[in-house]
Amino acid sequence: MRVLAIDTALGACAASVLDVVAGTVLAREALPLARGHAEALMPLLARVMDRAAIEFGDLDRFAVTVGPGSFTGLRVGIAAARGLALATQRPAVGLSTLAAFAAPHVAAGDSSAVAAAIDARHGHVYLQIFGASGRAMAPARIAPIRDAVRAASAGPVRLVGSAADLLAAEWPTSEPAPILVDQQAAPDIDWVARLGAAAIETGQPPRPLYLRAPDARPQDAARLPRR
């Protein structure tokens, strides 16, 4: 199986081609990027596929991060994955950004939990806690930082994701310090590919995982009057 993974959910525009049978990454590229994913993604995909020396039709599956993350960034990656899947008649699977952050730490085999957190701004984070086996201990949710810290500090834990430092800064002195604080702007794209290879196909196209409404709302004054 050959999988093309795409991530535009957070602070990077990234893609990776994984050959599952050979157990090797054929090509990858990750650009640190806060905005401009729509302009950067297709040229990046062309470069990655050229380095992998294969055609899109040679792929068996597409994998894309579906959130939580940037509202605009998510749509860019998902639209690309769905379009490529449609054009090649191959399946596309959606993956949680929080699970992608946690995956390499779960695979490391530590017995402690992994709390994956993404900065949701305005004093909130997107949070999901995974047990040592990799199973989610609760659904992904948005929570105030202090509530997230309270949930994560219930036992030995590793903090990962773009809000790892935010949780560590609020960590109570009465609790044991986190075993690890791994601040990252975006998940490792190779792990997105590995999760994509292992994901179960649902037959449904990837859809954004929104845990809250967008900040931007139309202004009443800008609306056209109805006739």
C-alpha atoms as a PDB file:
ATOM      1  CA  MET A   1       0.000   0.000   0.000  1.00  0.00           C
ATOM      2  CA  ARG A   2       1.160   3.518  -0.827  1.00  0.00           C
ATOM      3  CA  VAL A   3      -0.369   6.399   1.093  1.00  0.00           C
ATOM      4  CA  LEU A   4      -0.190  10.125   0.420  1.00  0.00           C
ATOM      5  CA  ALA A   5      -0.697  12.085   3.645  1.00  0.00           C
ATOM      6  CA  ILE A   6      -1.651  15.767   3.668  1.00  0.00           C
ATOM      7  CA  ASP A   7      -1.679  18.207   6.591  1.00  0.00           C
ATOM      8  CA  THR A   8      -2.713  21.858   6.406  1.00  0.00           C
ATOM      9  CA  ALA A   9      -4.615  21.993   9.700  1.00  0.00           C
ATOM     10  CA  LEU A  10      -2.213  24.080  11.786  1.00  0.00           C
ATOM     11  CA  GLY A  11       1.232  25.658  11.479  1.00  0.00           C
ATOM     12  CA  ALA A  12       2.539  23.703   8.508  1.00  0.00           C
ATOM     13  CA  CYS A  13       1.805  22.716   4.949  1.00  0.00           C
ATOM     14  CA  ALA A  14       3.035  19.150   4.657  1.00  0.00           C
ATOM     15  CA  ALA A  15       2.811  15.949   2.638  1.00  0.00           C
ATOM     16  CA  SER A  16       4.389  12.513   2.825  1.00  0.00           C
ATOM     17  CA  VAL A  17       4.303   9.395   0.654  1.00  0.00           C
ATOM     18  CA  LEU A  18       4.561   6.164   2.669  1.00  0.00           C
ATOM     19  CA  ASP A  19       5.211   2.754   1.125  1.00  0.00           C
ATOM     20  CA  VAL A  20       3.703   0.453   3.741  1.00  0.00           C
ATOM     21  CA  VAL A  21       5.056  -2.804   2.309  1.00  0.00           C
ATOM     22  CA  ALA A  22       8.624  -1.500   2.148  1.00  0.00           C
ATOM     23  CA  GLY A  23       8.202   0.328   5.438  1.00  0.00           C
ATOM     24  CA  THR A  24       9.790   3.478   4.046  1.00  0.00           C
ATOM     25  CA  VAL A  25       8.817   7.073   3.390  1.00  0.00           C
ATOM     26  CA  LEU A  26       9.402   7.669  -0.313  1.00  0.00           C
ATOM     27  CA  ALA A  27       9.282  11.452  -0.039  1.00  0.00           C
ATOM     28  CA  ARG A  28       8.144  14.159   2.336  1.00  0.00           C
ATOM     29  CA  GLU A  29       8.106  17.922   2.732  1.00  0.00           C
ATOM     30  CA  ALA A  30       6.882  20.136   5.547  1.00  0.00           C
ATOM     31  CA  LEU A  31       6.834  23.921   5.310  1.00  0.00           C
ATOM     32  CA  PRO A  32       6.327  25.948   8.501  1.00  0.00           C
ATOM     33  CA  LEU A  33       3.360  28.080   7.514  1.00  0.00           C
ATOM     34  CA  ALA A  34       0.859  30.119   9.507  1.00  0.00           C
ATOM     35  CA  ARG A  35      -1.232  31.072   6.468  1.00  0.00           C
ATOM     36  CA  GLY A  36      -1.180  30.726   2.701  1.00  0.00           C
ATOM     37  CA  HIS A  37      -1.806  26.971   2.661  1.00  0.00           C
ATOM     38  CA  ALA A  38      -4.046  27.225  -0.408  1.00  0.00           C
ATOM     39  CA  GLU A  39      -1.244  28.706  -2.512  1.00  0.00           C
ATOM     40  CA  ALA A  40       1.473  26.415  -1.151  1.00  0.00           C
ATOM     41  CA  LEU A  41      -0.201  22.998  -1.140  1.00  0.00           C
ATOM     42  CA  MET A  42      -0.476  21.975  -4.796  1.00  0.00           C
ATOM     43  CA  PRO A  43       3.130  22.954  -5.710  1.00  0.00           C
ATOM     44  CA  LEU A  44       4.294  21.112  -2.579  1.00  0.00           C
ATOM     45  CA  LEU A  45       2.343  17.985  -3.582  1.00  0.00           C
ATOM     46  CA  ALA A  46       3.883  18.131  -7.058  1.00  0.00           C
ATOM     47  CA  ARG A  47       7.390  18.261  -5.560  1.00  0.00           C
ATOM     48  CA  VAL A  48       6.719  15.385  -3.170  1.00  0.00           C
ATOM     49  CA  MET A  49       5.266  13.168  -5.889  1.00  0.00           C
ATOM     50  CA  ASP A  50       8.181  13.996  -8.180  1.00  0.00           C
ATOM     51  CA  ARG A  51      10.687  12.966  -5.490  1.00  0.00           C
ATOM     52  CA  ALA A  52       8.730   9.786  -4.810  1.00  0.00           C
ATOM     53  CA  ALA A  53       8.912   9.038  -8.559  1.00  0.00           C
ATOM     54  CA  ILE A  54       5.320   7.835  -8.747  1.00  0.00           C
ATOM     55  CA  GLU A  55       2.044   9.114 -10.190  1.00  0.00           C
ATOM     56  CA  PHE A  56      -1.104   9.916  -8.226  1.00  0.00           C
ATOM     57  CA  GLY A  57      -2.708   6.887  -9.866  1.00  0.00           C
ATOM     58  CA  ASP A  58      -0.038   4.676  -8.278  1.00  0.00           C
ATOM     59  CA  LEU A  59      -1.291   5.562  -4.804  1.00  0.00           C
ATOM     60  CA  ASP A  60      -3.681   3.321  -2.893  1.00  0.00           C
ATOM     61  CA  ARG A  61      -5.032   5.809  -0.374  1.00  0.00           C
ATOM     62  CA  PHE A  62      -5.077   9.457   0.633  1.00  0.00           C
ATOM     63  CA  ALA A  63      -4.979  10.574   4.273  1.00  0.00           C
ATOM     64  CA  VAL A  64      -5.654  14.080   5.555  1.00  0.00           C
ATOM     65  CA  THR A  65      -5.903  15.768   8.927  1.00  0.00           C
ATOM     66  CA  VAL A  66      -9.462  16.963   9.520  1.00  0.00           C
ATOM     67  CA  GLY A  67      -9.052  18.915  12.734  1.00  0.00           C
ATOM     68  CA  PRO A  68      -9.346  20.453  15.097  1.00  0.00           C
ATOM     69  CA  GLY A  69      -7.325  23.280  13.643  1.00  0.00           C
ATOM     70  CA  SER A  70      -7.532  26.359  11.481  1.00  0.00           C
ATOM     71  CA  PHE A  71     -10.928  26.655   9.791  1.00  0.00           C
ATOM     72  CA  THR A  72      -9.370  27.818   6.522  1.00  0.00           C
ATOM     73  CA  GLY A  73      -6.399  25.457   6.633  1.00  0.00           C
ATOM     74  CA  LEU A  74      -8.567  22.406   7.251  1.00  0.00           C
ATOM     75  CA  ARG A  75     -10.697  23.079   4.206  1.00  0.00           C
ATOM     76  CA  VAL A  76      -7.617  23.406   1.977  1.00  0.00           C
ATOM     77  CA  GLY A  77      -6.207  19.989   2.833  1.00  0.00           C
ATOM     78  CA  ILE A  78      -9.558  18.213   2.872  1.00  0.00           C
ATOM     79  CA  ALA A  79     -10.564  19.655  -0.500  1.00  0.00           C
ATOM     80  CA  ALA A  80      -7.261  18.504  -2.015  1.00  0.00           C
ATOM     81  CA  ALA A  81      -7.558  14.984  -0.593  1.00  0.00           C
ATOM     82  CA  ARG A  82     -11.160  14.624  -1.710  1.00  0.00           C
ATOM     83  CA  GLY A  83     -10.377  15.959  -5.181  1.00  0.00           C
ATOM     84  CA  LEU A  84      -7.430  13.616  -5.665  1.00  0.00           C
ATOM     85  CA  ALA A  85      -9.435  10.658  -4.359  1.00  0.00           C
ATOM     86  CA  LEU A  86     -12.240  11.417  -6.788  1.00  0.00           C
ATOM     87  CA  ALA A  87      -9.866  11.841  -9.734  1.00  0.00           C
ATOM     88  CA  THR A  88      -7.985   8.599  -9.051  1.00  0.00           C
ATOM     89  CA  GLN A  89     -10.918   6.542  -7.739  1.00  0.00           C
ATOM     90  CA  ARG A  90      -8.986   5.836  -4.558  1.00  0.00           C
ATOM     91  CA  PRO A  91     -10.280   6.153  -0.978  1.00  0.00           C
ATOM     92  CA  ALA A  92      -9.512   9.102   1.285  1.00  0.00           C
ATOM     93  CA  VAL A  93      -9.508   8.894   5.081  1.00  0.00           C
ATOM     94  CA  GLY A  94      -9.670  11.680   7.634  1.00  0.00           C
ATOM     95  CA  LEU A  95      -7.513  11.743  10.755  1.00  0.00           C
ATOM     96  CA  SER A  96      -7.720  13.695  13.988  1.00  0.00           C
ATOM     97  CA  THR A  97      -4.961  16.252  14.421  1.00  0.00           C
ATOM     98  CA  LEU A  98      -4.877  15.452  18.135  1.00  0.00           C
ATOM     99  CA  ALA A  99      -4.356  11.749  17.428  1.00  0.00           C
ATOM    100  CA  ALA A 100      -1.548  12.623  15.012  1.00  0.00           C
ATOM    101  CA  PHE A 101       0.211  14.620  17.736  1.00  0.00           C
ATOM    102  CA  ALA A 102      -0.143  11.736  20.194  1.00  0.00           C
ATOM    103  CA  ALA A 103       0.793   8.864  17.843  1.00  0.00           C
ATOM    104  CA  PRO A 104       4.610   8.904  18.085  1.00  0.00           C
ATOM    105  CA  HIS A 105       4.467   9.179  21.868  1.00  0.00           C
ATOM    106  CA  VAL A 106       1.989   6.324  22.194  1.00  0.00           C
ATOM    107  CA  ALA A 107       4.188   4.230  19.901  1.00  0.00           C
ATOM    108  CA  ALA A 108       7.180   4.888  22.163  1.00  0.00           C
ATOM    109  CA  GLY A 109       5.646   2.439  24.633  1.00  0.00           C
ATOM    110  CA  ASP A 110       5.647   4.606  27.759  1.00  0.00           C
ATOM    111  CA  SER A 111       2.997   3.575  30.268  1.00  0.00           C
ATOM    112  CA  SER A 112       1.925   7.170  30.943  1.00  0.00           C
ATOM    113  CA  ALA A 113      -1.014   8.888  29.258  1.00  0.00           C
ATOM    114  CA  VAL A 114      -0.609  11.406  26.450  1.00  0.00           C
ATOM    115  CA  ALA A 115      -2.529  14.687  26.545  1.00  0.00           C
ATOM    116  CA  ALA A 116      -2.652  16.257  23.094  1.00  0.00           C
ATOM    117  CA  ALA A 117      -3.592  19.923  23.119  1.00  0.00           C
ATOM    118  CA  ILE A 118      -4.000  22.557  20.408  1.00  0.00           C
ATOM    119  CA  ASP A 119      -4.217  26.278  21.053  1.00  0.00           C
ATOM    120  CA  ALA A 120      -7.824  27.320  20.404  1.00  0.00           C
ATOM    121  CA  ARG A 121      -7.104  30.909  21.491  1.00  0.00           C
ATOM    122  CA  HIS A 122      -9.073  33.086  23.911  1.00  0.00           C
ATOM    123  CA  GLY A 123      -7.803  31.036  26.865  1.00  0.00           C
ATOM    124  CA  HIS A 124      -9.047  27.716  25.488  1.00  0.00           C
ATOM    125  CA  VAL A 125      -7.469  24.583  24.018  1.00  0.00           C
ATOM    126  CA  TYR A 126      -8.657  21.623  22.016  1.00  0.00           C
ATOM    127  CA  LEU A 127      -7.862  18.607  24.163  1.00  0.00           C
ATOM    128  CA  GLN A 128      -7.859  14.835  23.995  1.00  0.00           C
ATOM    129  CA  ILE A 129      -6.168  12.407  26.364  1.00  0.00           C
ATOM    130  CA  PHE A 130      -4.944   9.009  25.186  1.00  0.00           C
ATOM    131  CA  GLY A 131      -4.081   6.001  27.345  1.00  0.00           C
ATOM    132  CA  ALA A 132      -0.878   4.021  27.025  1.00  0.00           C
ATOM    133  CA  SER A 133      -2.581   1.706  24.519  1.00  0.00           C
ATOM    134  CA  GLY A 134      -3.446   4.652  22.297  1.00  0.00           C
ATOM    135  CA  ARG A 135      -7.157   4.476  23.029  1.00  0.00           C
ATOM    136  CA  ALA A 136      -8.828   7.849  23.577  1.00  0.00           C
ATOM    137  CA  MET A 137      -9.968   8.212  27.166  1.00  0.00           C
ATOM    138  CA  ALA A 138     -12.661  10.719  26.179  1.00  0.00           C
ATOM    139  CA  PRO A 139     -13.849  12.479  23.013  1.00  0.00           C
ATOM    140  CA  ALA A 140     -11.944  15.514  21.765  1.00  0.00           C
ATOM    141  CA  ARG A 141     -13.299  18.732  23.240  1.00  0.00           C
ATOM    142  CA  ILE A 142     -12.626  22.427  23.653  1.00  0.00           C
ATOM    143  CA  ALA A 143     -11.949  23.526  27.213  1.00  0.00           C
ATOM    144  CA  PRO A 144     -10.574  26.447  29.217  1.00  0.00           C
ATOM    145  CA  ILE A 145      -6.861  25.971  29.862  1.00  0.00           C
ATOM    146  CA  ARG A 146      -7.329  25.444  33.596  1.00  0.00           C
ATOM    147  CA  ASP A 147      -9.973  22.773  33.014  1.00  0.00           C
ATOM    148  CA  ALA A 148      -7.653  21.073  30.524  1.00  0.00           C
ATOM    149  CA  VAL A 149      -4.829  21.101  33.070  1.00  0.00           C
ATOM    150  CA  ARG A 150      -7.125  19.633  35.695  1.00  0.00           C
ATOM    151  CA  ALA A 151      -8.089  16.800  33.356  1.00  0.00           C
ATOM    152  CA  ALA A 152      -4.519  16.123  32.258  1.00  0.00           C
ATOM    153  CA  SER A 153      -2.980  16.169  35.734  1.00  0.00           C
ATOM    154  CA  ALA A 154      -4.981  13.192  37.006  1.00  0.00           C
ATOM    155  CA  GLY A 155      -1.903  10.970  36.626  1.00  0.00           C
ATOM    156  CA  PRO A 156       1.510  10.681  34.928  1.00  0.00           C
ATOM    157  CA  VAL A 157       1.198  12.382  31.569  1.00  0.00           C
ATOM    158  CA  ARG A 158       3.086  13.612  28.537  1.00  0.00           C
ATOM    159  CA  LEU A 159       1.923  16.951  27.105  1.00  0.00           C
ATOM    160  CA  VAL A 160       2.140  17.281  23.321  1.00  0.00           C
ATOM    161  CA  GLY A 161       0.864  19.620  20.639  1.00  0.00           C
ATOM    162  CA  SER A 162       0.769  23.320  19.871  1.00  0.00           C
ATOM    163  CA  ALA A 163      -0.613  24.115  23.354  1.00  0.00           C
ATOM    164  CA  ALA A 164       1.730  21.885  25.365  1.00  0.00           C
ATOM    165  CA  ASP A 165       3.583  24.911  26.748  1.00  0.00           C
ATOM    166  CA  LEU A 166       0.290  26.618  27.664  1.00  0.00           C
ATOM    167  CA  LEU A 167      -0.751  23.666  29.804  1.00  0.00           C
ATOM    168  CA  ALA A 168       2.716  23.339  31.340  1.00  0.00           C
ATOM    169  CA  ALA A 169       2.690  27.031  32.311  1.00  0.00           C
ATOM    170  CA  GLU A 170      -0.547  26.513  34.295  1.00  0.00           C
ATOM    171  CA  TRP A 171       0.506  23.225  35.859  1.00  0.00           C
ATOM    172  CA  PRO A 172      -0.272  23.152  39.614  1.00  0.00           C
ATOM    173  CA  THR A 173       2.757  22.955  41.880  1.00  0.00           C
ATOM    174  CA  SER A 174       0.875  20.467  44.039  1.00  0.00           C
ATOM    175  CA  GLU A 175       0.886  17.891  41.221  1.00  0.00           C
ATOM    176  CA  PRO A 176       3.846  15.917  39.800  1.00  0.00           C
ATOM    177  CA  ALA A 177       5.338  17.703  36.798  1.00  0.00           C
ATOM    178  CA  PRO A 178       4.537  16.337  33.328  1.00  0.00           C
ATOM    179  CA  ILE A 179       6.911  13.607  32.215  1.00  0.00           C
ATOM    180  CA  LEU A 180       7.389  15.354  28.888  1.00  0.00           C
ATOM    181  CA  VAL A 181       6.390  18.675  27.316  1.00  0.00           C
ATOM    182  CA  ASP A 182       6.644  18.478  23.522  1.00  0.00           C
ATOM    183  CA  GLN A 183       5.584  21.778  21.958  1.00  0.00           C
ATOM    184  CA  GLN A 184       5.004  21.437  18.196  1.00  0.00           C
ATOM    185  CA  ALA A 185       3.306  23.718  15.701  1.00  0.00           C
ATOM    186  CA  ALA A 186       2.028  20.763  13.656  1.00  0.00           C
ATOM    187  CA  PRO A 187       2.081  16.965  13.833  1.00  0.00           C
ATOM    188  CA  ASP A 188       4.799  14.902  12.160  1.00  0.00           C
ATOM    189  CA  ILE A 189       3.508  14.289   8.634  1.00  0.00           C
ATOM    190  CA  ASP A 190       5.066  10.808   8.510  1.00  0.00           C
ATOM    191  CA  TRP A 191       2.885   9.803  11.456  1.00  0.00           C
ATOM    192  CA  VAL A 192      -0.155  11.164   9.652  1.00  0.00           C
ATOM    193  CA  ALA A 193       0.754   8.775   6.827  1.00  0.00           C
ATOM    194  CA  ARG A 194       1.161   5.839   9.232  1.00  0.00           C
ATOM    195  CA  LEU A 195      -2.195   6.541  10.849  1.00  0.00           C
ATOM    196  CA  GLY A 196      -3.722   6.857   7.399  1.00  0.00           C
ATOM    197  CA  ALA A 197      -2.417   3.438   6.420  1.00  0.00           C
ATOM    198  CA  ALA A 198      -3.932   1.876   9.544  1.00  0.00           C
ATOM    199  CA  ALA A 199      -7.263   3.729   9.402  1.00  0.00           C
ATOM    200  CA  ILE A 200     -10.474   1.874   8.620  1.00  0.00           C
ATOM    201  CA  GLU A 201     -12.197   3.046   5.466  1.00  0.00           C
ATOM    202  CA  THR A 202     -15.738   4.248   6.096  1.00  0.00           C
ATOM    203  CA  GLY A 203     -16.728   4.889   2.507  1.00  0.00           C
ATOM    204  CA  GLN A 204     -17.449   8.511   3.425  1.00  0.00           C
ATOM    205  CA  PRO A 205     -15.290  11.446   2.310  1.00  0.00           C
ATOM    206  CA  PRO A 206     -13.247  13.256   4.987  1.00  0.00           C
ATOM    207  CA  ARG A 207     -15.093  16.101   6.706  1.00  0.00           C
ATOM    208  CA  PRO A 208     -13.784  18.884   8.969  1.00  0.00           C
ATOM    209  CA  LEU A 209     -13.835  18.245  12.704  1.00  0.00           C
ATOM    210  CA  TYR A 210     -15.044  21.534  14.160  1.00  0.00           C
ATOM    211  CA  LEU A 211     -15.302  21.716  17.925  1.00  0.00           C
ATOM    212  CA  ARG A 212     -16.602  25.278  18.007  1.00  0.00           C
ATOM    213  CA  ALA A 213     -18.163  27.849  15.707  1.00  0.00           C
ATOM    214  CA  PRO A 214     -15.842  30.129  13.700  1.00  0.00           C
ATOM    215  CA  ASP A 215     -14.807  33.448  15.269  1.00  0.00           C
ATOM    216  CA  ALA A 216     -15.707  35.404  12.144  1.00  0.00           C
ATOM    217  CA  ARG A 217     -19.397  36.172  11.667  1.00  0.00           C
ATOM    218  CA  PRO A 218     -21.144  38.247   8.991  1.00  0.00           C
ATOM    219  CA  GLN A 219     -21.887  41.825   9.977  1.00  0.00           C
ATOM    220  CA  ASP A 220     -25.531  42.830   9.878  1.00  0.00           C
ATOM    221  CA  ALA A 221     -24.613  46.109   8.208  1.00  0.00           C
ATOM    222  CA  ALA A 222     -22.967  44.227   5.340  1.00  0.00           C
ATOM    223  CA  ARG A 223     -26.033  42.169   4.495  1.00  0.00           C
ATOM    224  CA  LEU A 224     -27.989  43.034   1.391  1.00  0.00           C
ATOM    225  CA  PRO A 225     -31.628  43.928   1.992  1.00  0.00           C
ATOM    226  CA  ARG A 226     -34.149  41.336   0.922  1.00  0.00           C
ATOM    227  CA  ARG A 227     -36.792  42.214  -1.642  1.00  0.00           C
END
